[in-house]
Amino acid sequence: DVNEGFINMMRKVYQEPLATKACSQPKMLENLQSFEASLENIQKKLNDYLEKKRQFFPRFYFISNDDLLEILGQARDPEQVQKHIK
């Protein structure tokens, strides 16, 4: 899990006041590269999902990704959706 792994890594960094020692954790570079790859994969899948929603309802092409995510998350609350449609 990216979040848990990153938090654990940052706890170790926080405990070591010297940057050179803090950054010499075993496999730190490999872990950071793995986190980056995972986050890029998640971003790609999220963009693919939003693109499918936009194909289904073309008006979504005029809405930012952040707004579209909020609309989709609040789909059962029309008042929350309306503030993005105006």
Protein backbone atom coordinates (compact mmCIF):
# COMPACT_ATOMS: atom_id res chain seq x y z
CA ASP A 1 0.00 0.00 0.00
CA VAL A 2 1.49 3.29 -1.14
CA ASN A 3 0.01 5.44 1.62
CA GLU A 4 1.04 3.15 4.47
CA GLY A 5 4.51 2.57 3.03
CA PHE A 6 5.13 6.29 2.50
CA ILE A 7 3.93 7.18 6.01
CA ASN A 8 6.22 4.54 7.53
CA MET A 9 9.14 5.84 5.48
CA MET A 10 8.48 9.43 6.55
CA ARG A 11 8.29 8.38 10.22
CA LYS A 12 11.79 6.96 9.93
CA VAL A 13 13.00 10.12 8.18
CA TYR A 14 11.45 12.29 10.90
CA GLN A 15 13.26 10.33 13.61
CA GLU A 16 16.67 10.93 11.98
CA PRO A 17 17.72 14.60 12.04
CA LEU A 18 20.61 14.16 9.57
CA ALA A 19 19.44 14.12 5.96
CA THR A 20 22.25 11.86 4.78
CA LYS A 21 21.36 9.20 7.35
CA ALA A 22 17.62 9.67 6.87
CA CYS A 23 17.94 9.11 3.12
CA SER A 24 20.13 6.03 3.47
CA GLN A 25 17.33 3.75 4.59
CA PRO A 26 17.52 0.31 2.98
CA LYS A 27 15.68 0.21 -0.36
CA MET A 28 14.47 3.81 0.02
CA LEU A 29 15.00 4.68 -3.63
CA GLU A 30 13.38 1.45 -4.81
CA ASN A 31 10.38 2.03 -2.55
CA LEU A 32 9.95 5.61 -3.77
CA GLN A 33 10.14 4.46 -7.38
CA SER A 34 7.58 1.75 -6.64
CA PHE A 35 5.28 4.31 -4.99
CA GLU A 36 5.59 6.58 -8.01
CA ALA A 37 4.79 3.75 -10.43
CA SER A 38 1.75 2.75 -8.38
CA LEU A 39 0.48 6.33 -8.23
CA GLU A 40 0.93 6.76 -11.98
CA ASN A 41 -1.04 3.54 -12.54
CA ILE A 42 -3.82 4.77 -10.24
CA GLN A 43 -3.91 8.14 -12.04
CA LYS A 44 -4.15 6.41 -15.43
CA LYS A 45 -7.03 4.21 -14.26
CA LEU A 46 -8.81 7.20 -12.75
CA ASN A 47 -8.46 9.14 -16.01
CA ASP A 48 -9.79 6.14 -17.95
CA TYR A 49 -12.79 5.93 -15.60
CA LEU A 50 -13.54 9.65 -15.97
CA GLU A 51 -13.21 9.39 -19.74
CA LYS A 52 -15.85 6.62 -19.78
CA LYS A 53 -18.18 8.85 -17.76
CA ARG A 54 -17.56 11.72 -20.17
CA GLN A 55 -18.33 9.51 -23.16
CA PHE A 56 -21.61 8.54 -21.53
CA PHE A 57 -22.55 12.13 -20.74
CA PRO A 58 -20.66 14.59 -23.02
CA ARG A 59 -21.42 17.66 -20.87
CA PHE A 60 -18.85 16.29 -18.46
CA TYR A 61 -16.15 17.27 -20.97
CA PHE A 62 -16.59 20.87 -19.81
CA ILE A 63 -16.01 20.02 -16.14
CA SER A 64 -12.62 19.57 -14.47
CA ASN A 65 -11.58 16.19 -13.14
CA ASP A 66 -11.88 17.42 -9.55
CA ASP A 67 -15.41 18.70 -10.10
CA LEU A 68 -16.41 15.55 -11.95
CA LEU A 69 -15.16 13.37 -9.10
CA GLU A 70 -17.16 15.44 -6.64
CA ILE A 71 -20.27 15.22 -8.84
CA LEU A 72 -19.94 11.45 -9.11
CA GLY A 73 -19.35 11.17 -5.37
CA GLN A 74 -22.40 13.33 -4.56
CA ALA A 75 -24.69 11.89 -7.24
CA ARG A 76 -27.48 11.26 -4.73
CA ASP A 77 -27.46 14.87 -3.46
CA PRO A 78 -28.81 17.15 -6.23
CA GLU A 79 -27.96 20.35 -4.36
CA GLN A 80 -24.28 19.40 -4.20
CA VAL A 81 -24.27 18.52 -7.90
CA GLN A 82 -26.00 21.75 -8.91
CA LYS A 83 -23.15 23.95 -7.68
CA HIS A 84 -20.90 22.39 -10.35
CA ILE A 85 -23.41 22.56 -13.19
CA LYS A 86 -24.25 26.29 -13.04
